[in-house]
Structures are given as structure tokens and as C-alpha cells.
Amino acid sequence: MLPSYDLNAPKRAANLRINEDLLSKAKSLNINLSATLEKALAQALKEKQREQWLADNRQAIAAYNEHVESNGVFSDELRSF
């Protein structure tokens, strides 16, 4: 599957505000904050893009489902199961 963003884009500094206790515990366990944030952001981006795609294509999906419901799919006569 293709990534939803440029994996080779340069890194950029960002200022964040994080719960102090959460940050302290993450650091004590040697959790890489940048890698963890990138992974979480990539997942959130993927989910939002999926939601957007479904919203953008809702009418087409409904129309296709109606067509299949009334006419079946093109391979109905070819399948042996």
C-alpha cells in the first residue's frame, strides 16, 4: 500500500505541549518521542483520509450497491459457487 505522505520529506522542528507526567514516564522508558509522534500522526492521517474518501464517494458507493442489488454483478453467470 502506498504511504499517505512523503516518507523522504525532511524533518522539521515543532514545539509541542505535553502532559508533564506523561512526558516524564515516556522518557524514563526511553520512548523515542519523535518516532512515536510520527507513527501516531501517520495513523491519524490515514484514518482521516479514509473517512474523507468514504464521504466523497458515498453517493457512488450507494449507487453501485443499488445497481448490484437490482442487477447482480457481471460475474454472477460465470461463477460456479
Protein backbone atom coordinates (compact mmCIF):
# COMPACT_ATOMS: atom_id res chain seq x y z
CA MET A 1 0.00 0.00 0.00
CA LEU A 2 1.26 3.47 -0.82
CA PRO A 3 2.10 5.75 2.09
CA SER A 4 -0.22 8.69 2.66
CA TYR A 5 2.66 11.15 2.93
CA ASP A 6 6.22 11.66 1.66
CA LEU A 7 8.44 9.36 3.72
CA ASN A 8 11.55 11.14 2.42
CA ALA A 9 10.50 14.68 3.33
CA PRO A 10 13.00 16.45 5.58
CA LYS A 11 12.43 16.57 9.34
CA ARG A 12 11.21 19.84 10.82
CA ALA A 13 11.30 21.03 14.42
CA ALA A 14 7.96 21.59 16.13
CA ASN A 15 7.02 22.97 19.54
CA LEU A 16 4.54 20.85 21.46
CA ARG A 17 2.90 20.98 24.84
CA ILE A 18 2.67 17.58 26.51
CA ASN A 19 1.37 16.44 29.88
CA GLU A 20 4.39 16.61 32.19
CA ASP A 21 3.79 13.25 33.85
CA LEU A 22 3.25 11.52 30.52
CA LEU A 23 6.46 13.03 29.16
CA SER A 24 8.45 12.06 32.24
CA LYS A 25 7.25 8.45 32.16
CA ALA A 26 7.88 8.15 28.42
CA LYS A 27 11.42 9.46 28.83
CA SER A 28 12.08 7.10 31.76
CA LEU A 29 11.18 4.18 29.49
CA ASN A 30 13.37 5.51 26.64
CA ILE A 31 10.43 6.02 24.30
CA ASN A 32 11.50 7.92 21.20
CA LEU A 33 9.07 10.83 21.18
CA SER A 34 9.65 11.87 17.57
CA ALA A 35 9.18 8.36 16.20
CA THR A 36 6.14 7.77 18.39
CA LEU A 37 4.52 11.04 17.32
CA GLU A 38 5.24 10.37 13.63
CA LYS A 39 3.70 6.92 13.88
CA ALA A 40 0.60 8.25 15.67
CA LEU A 41 0.22 11.13 13.21
CA ALA A 42 0.59 8.80 10.22
CA GLN A 43 -2.17 6.57 11.62
CA ALA A 44 -4.44 9.55 12.35
CA LEU A 45 -3.80 10.92 8.85
CA LYS A 46 -4.65 7.57 7.27
CA GLU A 47 -7.90 7.32 9.23
CA LYS A 48 -8.96 10.87 8.34
CA GLN A 49 -8.12 10.33 4.66
CA ARG A 50 -10.17 7.12 4.69
CA GLU A 51 -13.13 8.94 6.27
CA GLN A 52 -12.81 11.73 3.70
CA TRP A 53 -12.65 9.25 0.80
CA LEU A 54 -15.77 7.47 2.05
CA ALA A 55 -17.61 10.79 2.44
CA ASP A 56 -16.52 11.94 -1.02
CA ASN A 57 -17.62 8.67 -2.61
CA ARG A 58 -20.74 7.92 -0.55
CA GLN A 59 -23.14 8.61 -3.45
CA ALA A 60 -21.17 6.47 -5.91
CA ILE A 61 -20.96 3.60 -3.42
CA ALA A 62 -24.70 3.79 -2.76
CA ALA A 63 -25.45 3.86 -6.49
CA TYR A 64 -23.21 0.86 -7.11
CA ASN A 65 -24.80 -1.07 -4.25
CA GLU A 66 -28.27 -0.31 -5.63
CA HIS A 67 -27.17 -1.49 -9.09
CA VAL A 68 -25.77 -4.73 -7.68
CA GLU A 69 -28.90 -5.28 -5.60
CA SER A 70 -31.16 -4.99 -8.61
CA ASN A 71 -28.91 -6.41 -11.37
CA GLY A 72 -26.29 -8.52 -9.64
CA VAL A 73 -22.62 -8.36 -10.57
CA PHE A 74 -21.16 -9.03 -14.00
CA SER A 75 -19.70 -12.39 -12.96
CA ASP A 76 -22.88 -13.90 -11.47
CA GLU A 77 -23.39 -16.10 -14.54
CA LEU A 78 -19.73 -17.16 -14.66
CA ARG A 79 -19.32 -18.30 -11.07
CA SER A 80 -19.75 -21.94 -10.19
CA PHE A 81 -20.15 -21.40 -6.44
